[in-house]
Each structure stands twice: as C-alpha cells, then as structure tokens.
C-alpha cells in the first residue's frame, strides 16, 4: 500500500494578486540564481557590486564605494579584504587625505568582473526566460521606476563621514 501525498492547495487568488508578494517571490528566485552562480566561482554579490562600482565610476574611497553600492560601511572592509587578497583591487593612501585609502580596480579585477558579469547575465536570462524581450525591457523599466521612486535621498557630500 503506497502512501499518497496530499496535493498542495493552490495559493489563494488574493495572495497571487498582491504585487509586493509577487515581487518578494521573484526577488527570492533572482537572489538564489545569482547567488548560486557567483558562489560556484567563489564570489558573492557584494564582490560583483564593488567591481562594477569601480569599473563604472573609477577609483573611490571606502565610504564612496559604500554609497555607490549600497553595502554597509561596516561590511565594506571585509569585502575589500577579500577582493584585495584575490588581487582584484588595490588600496593606496589618498594623496589628499592620508587617513583614508583610495580603492582601484586591478587588471585581475577587470578579468574577474568579466567572468562574474557573464554569470550574472546567465542568471538574468534564466530568471526572465518566460518573458519576451519586450516584456523583459518593460519589467526592467517598471522595476526601475519603483526603485527610483522609493529610493531615499542621497546624502550631500558634506554629510558623509
């Protein structure tokens, strides 16, 4: 005699129609896909964010990198230590203020970013597979609109520590 598993009840329609719940579910899937791909290469999302931040906007202090990437300042040191140990970044004293470091991307870091970029792109492709290219663009546009609307104002440079 085989035991049969009960068929799971479908999610109630009212729950399936709540945008914040749908966004949270999609975000969890996206986070898992990207996280798994990066972990397979010994990387984390924060590594990718710092490398992108340096590649796109150039050298920066730790505080500036924190603002660019959204990584808490208290976590940034550990991320930078990991990237420095891998030869992806270089820390040098800021000539204008010897109390702080300027972080720069190395050639190794650029190559690492290229590989991680490929992995993140693959994860996006898997996540968005059910959508047409036009739907993917529209989803990105709408998510950008939501994110920008709810983003807290940036601190003025003189407010930064």
Protein backbone atom coordinates (compact mmCIF):
# COMPACT_ATOMS: atom_id res chain seq x y z
CA UNK A 1 0.00 0.00 0.00
CA UNK A 2 1.58 3.29 -1.07
CA UNK A 3 1.05 6.46 0.80
CA UNK A 4 -0.12 9.29 -1.36
CA UNK A 5 0.86 12.80 -0.64
CA UNK A 6 -1.93 15.29 -0.49
CA UNK A 7 -1.97 17.69 -3.40
CA UNK A 8 -0.85 21.08 -2.17
CA UNK A 9 -3.59 23.64 -2.12
CA UNK A 10 -3.12 26.37 -4.71
CA UNK A 11 -2.12 29.76 -3.39
CA UNK A 12 -5.28 31.80 -2.83
CA UNK A 13 -6.08 34.18 -5.67
CA UNK A 14 -5.98 37.22 -3.38
CA UNK A 15 -2.40 36.38 -2.40
CA UNK A 16 -1.40 35.78 -6.03
CA UNK A 17 -2.64 39.29 -6.85
CA UNK A 18 -0.57 41.22 -4.28
CA UNK A 19 2.30 42.97 -6.13
CA UNK A 20 4.60 43.17 -3.09
CA UNK A 21 4.21 39.42 -2.52
CA UNK A 22 4.94 38.71 -6.19
CA UNK A 23 7.99 40.98 -6.11
CA UNK A 24 9.28 39.27 -2.97
CA UNK A 25 8.88 35.85 -4.59
CA UNK A 26 10.61 36.92 -7.79
CA UNK A 27 13.37 38.61 -5.77
CA UNK A 28 13.97 35.41 -3.80
CA UNK A 29 14.33 33.43 -7.04
CA UNK A 30 16.62 36.09 -8.54
CA UNK A 31 18.75 36.19 -5.40
CA UNK A 32 19.12 32.41 -5.40
CA UNK A 33 20.01 32.22 -9.11
CA UNK A 34 22.65 34.94 -8.92
CA UNK A 35 23.98 33.74 -5.57
CA UNK A 36 24.41 30.16 -6.75
CA UNK A 37 26.21 31.17 -9.93
CA UNK A 38 28.58 33.51 -8.14
CA UNK A 39 29.22 31.03 -5.31
CA UNK A 40 30.27 28.41 -7.87
CA UNK A 41 33.11 30.83 -8.77
CA UNK A 42 33.96 31.63 -5.15
CA UNK A 43 32.32 35.05 -5.33
CA UNK A 44 29.46 36.88 -3.69
CA UNK A 45 27.07 39.58 -4.88
CA UNK A 46 29.00 42.19 -2.91
CA UNK A 47 32.20 41.31 -4.76
CA UNK A 48 30.38 41.86 -8.04
CA UNK A 49 28.88 45.15 -6.82
CA UNK A 50 32.25 46.57 -5.76
CA UNK A 51 33.95 45.52 -9.00
CA UNK A 52 31.14 47.09 -11.05
CA UNK A 53 31.25 50.24 -8.93
CA UNK A 54 34.97 50.64 -9.55
CA UNK A 55 34.78 49.73 -13.25
CA UNK A 56 31.97 52.19 -13.99
CA UNK A 57 32.91 55.18 -11.83
CA UNK A 58 36.62 54.74 -11.14
CA UNK A 59 38.71 54.74 -8.00
CA UNK A 60 36.99 55.64 -4.75
CA UNK A 61 37.32 55.76 -1.00
CA UNK A 62 35.70 53.01 1.05
CA UNK A 63 32.93 55.42 2.08
CA UNK A 64 32.24 56.37 -1.54
CA UNK A 65 32.15 52.71 -2.57
CA UNK A 66 29.68 52.08 0.22
CA UNK A 67 27.40 54.81 -1.15
CA UNK A 68 27.79 53.62 -4.77
CA UNK A 69 26.98 50.00 -4.00
CA UNK A 70 24.63 50.16 -1.03
CA UNK A 71 26.97 47.96 1.02
CA UNK A 72 27.07 48.99 4.67
CA UNK A 73 30.35 50.63 5.62
CA UNK A 74 30.78 48.08 8.42
CA UNK A 75 30.65 45.25 5.84
CA UNK A 76 32.75 47.00 3.20
CA UNK A 77 36.10 46.35 4.89
CA UNK A 78 35.59 42.58 4.81
CA UNK A 79 34.52 42.69 1.14
CA UNK A 80 37.55 44.80 0.24
CA UNK A 81 39.86 42.48 2.20
CA UNK A 82 38.57 39.51 0.20
CA UNK A 83 38.97 41.34 -3.11
CA UNK A 84 42.45 42.58 -2.16
CA UNK A 85 43.51 39.05 -1.15
CA UNK A 86 42.41 37.86 -4.60
CA UNK A 87 44.39 40.66 -6.29
CA UNK A 88 41.23 42.28 -7.70
CA UNK A 89 41.68 45.68 -6.05
CA UNK A 90 44.50 47.82 -4.74
CA UNK A 91 44.32 50.07 -1.67
CA UNK A 92 46.58 53.09 -1.60
CA UNK A 93 46.68 56.09 0.70
CA UNK A 94 44.72 59.05 -0.66
CA UNK A 95 47.27 61.76 -1.53
CA UNK A 96 44.73 64.43 -0.47
CA UNK A 97 43.97 62.76 2.89
CA UNK A 98 46.48 60.18 4.13
CA UNK A 99 43.95 58.95 6.74
CA UNK A 100 41.86 57.23 4.08
CA UNK A 101 42.53 54.78 1.28
CA UNK A 102 41.67 55.01 -2.38
CA UNK A 103 40.48 51.73 -3.88
CA UNK A 104 41.34 50.96 -7.51
CA UNK A 105 40.49 48.07 -9.78
CA UNK A 106 43.42 45.93 -10.96
CA UNK A 107 43.80 44.06 -14.25
CA UNK A 108 42.98 40.87 -12.31
CA UNK A 109 39.85 42.59 -11.01
CA UNK A 110 38.78 43.54 -14.53
CA UNK A 111 39.16 39.94 -15.69
CA UNK A 112 37.27 38.72 -12.62
CA UNK A 113 34.48 41.20 -13.33
CA UNK A 114 34.19 39.96 -16.92
CA UNK A 115 33.68 36.39 -15.66
CA UNK A 116 31.20 37.41 -12.95
CA UNK A 117 29.34 39.60 -15.45
CA UNK A 118 28.84 36.56 -17.66
CA UNK A 119 27.46 34.57 -14.73
CA UNK A 120 25.07 37.34 -13.67
CA UNK A 121 23.88 37.68 -17.28
CA UNK A 122 23.20 33.94 -17.42
CA UNK A 123 21.20 34.16 -14.20
CA UNK A 124 19.15 37.04 -15.61
CA UNK A 125 18.48 35.04 -18.76
CA UNK A 126 17.21 32.11 -16.68
CA UNK A 127 15.11 34.34 -14.43
CA UNK A 128 13.46 36.18 -17.32
CA UNK A 129 13.12 33.18 -19.66
CA UNK A 130 9.30 33.16 -19.64
CA UNK A 131 9.17 36.78 -20.88
CA UNK A 132 9.60 38.08 -24.40
CA UNK A 133 12.43 40.59 -24.96
CA UNK A 134 9.85 43.41 -24.95
CA UNK A 135 8.36 42.19 -21.69
CA UNK A 136 11.85 41.95 -20.16
CA UNK A 137 12.52 45.58 -21.11
CA UNK A 138 9.15 46.67 -19.73
CA UNK A 139 9.70 44.80 -16.47
CA UNK A 140 13.11 46.42 -16.08
CA UNK A 141 11.62 49.84 -16.81
CA UNK A 142 8.83 49.36 -14.26
CA UNK A 143 11.15 47.99 -11.56
CA UNK A 144 13.48 50.93 -12.13
CA UNK A 145 10.57 53.34 -11.77
CA UNK A 146 9.51 51.72 -8.48
CA UNK A 147 13.04 51.59 -7.13
CA UNK A 148 13.83 55.20 -8.02
CA UNK A 149 10.54 56.43 -6.53
CA UNK A 150 11.21 54.74 -3.19
CA UNK A 151 14.98 55.35 -3.01
CA UNK A 152 16.00 57.51 -0.07
CA UNK A 153 17.65 60.80 -0.99
CA UNK A 154 21.41 60.65 -1.34
CA UNK A 155 23.37 62.35 1.43
CA UNK A 156 25.15 65.55 0.44
CA UNK A 157 28.94 65.09 0.19
CA UNK A 158 29.45 67.26 3.28
CA UNK A 159 27.09 64.97 5.26
CA UNK A 160 29.33 61.96 4.65
CA UNK A 161 31.81 60.99 7.28
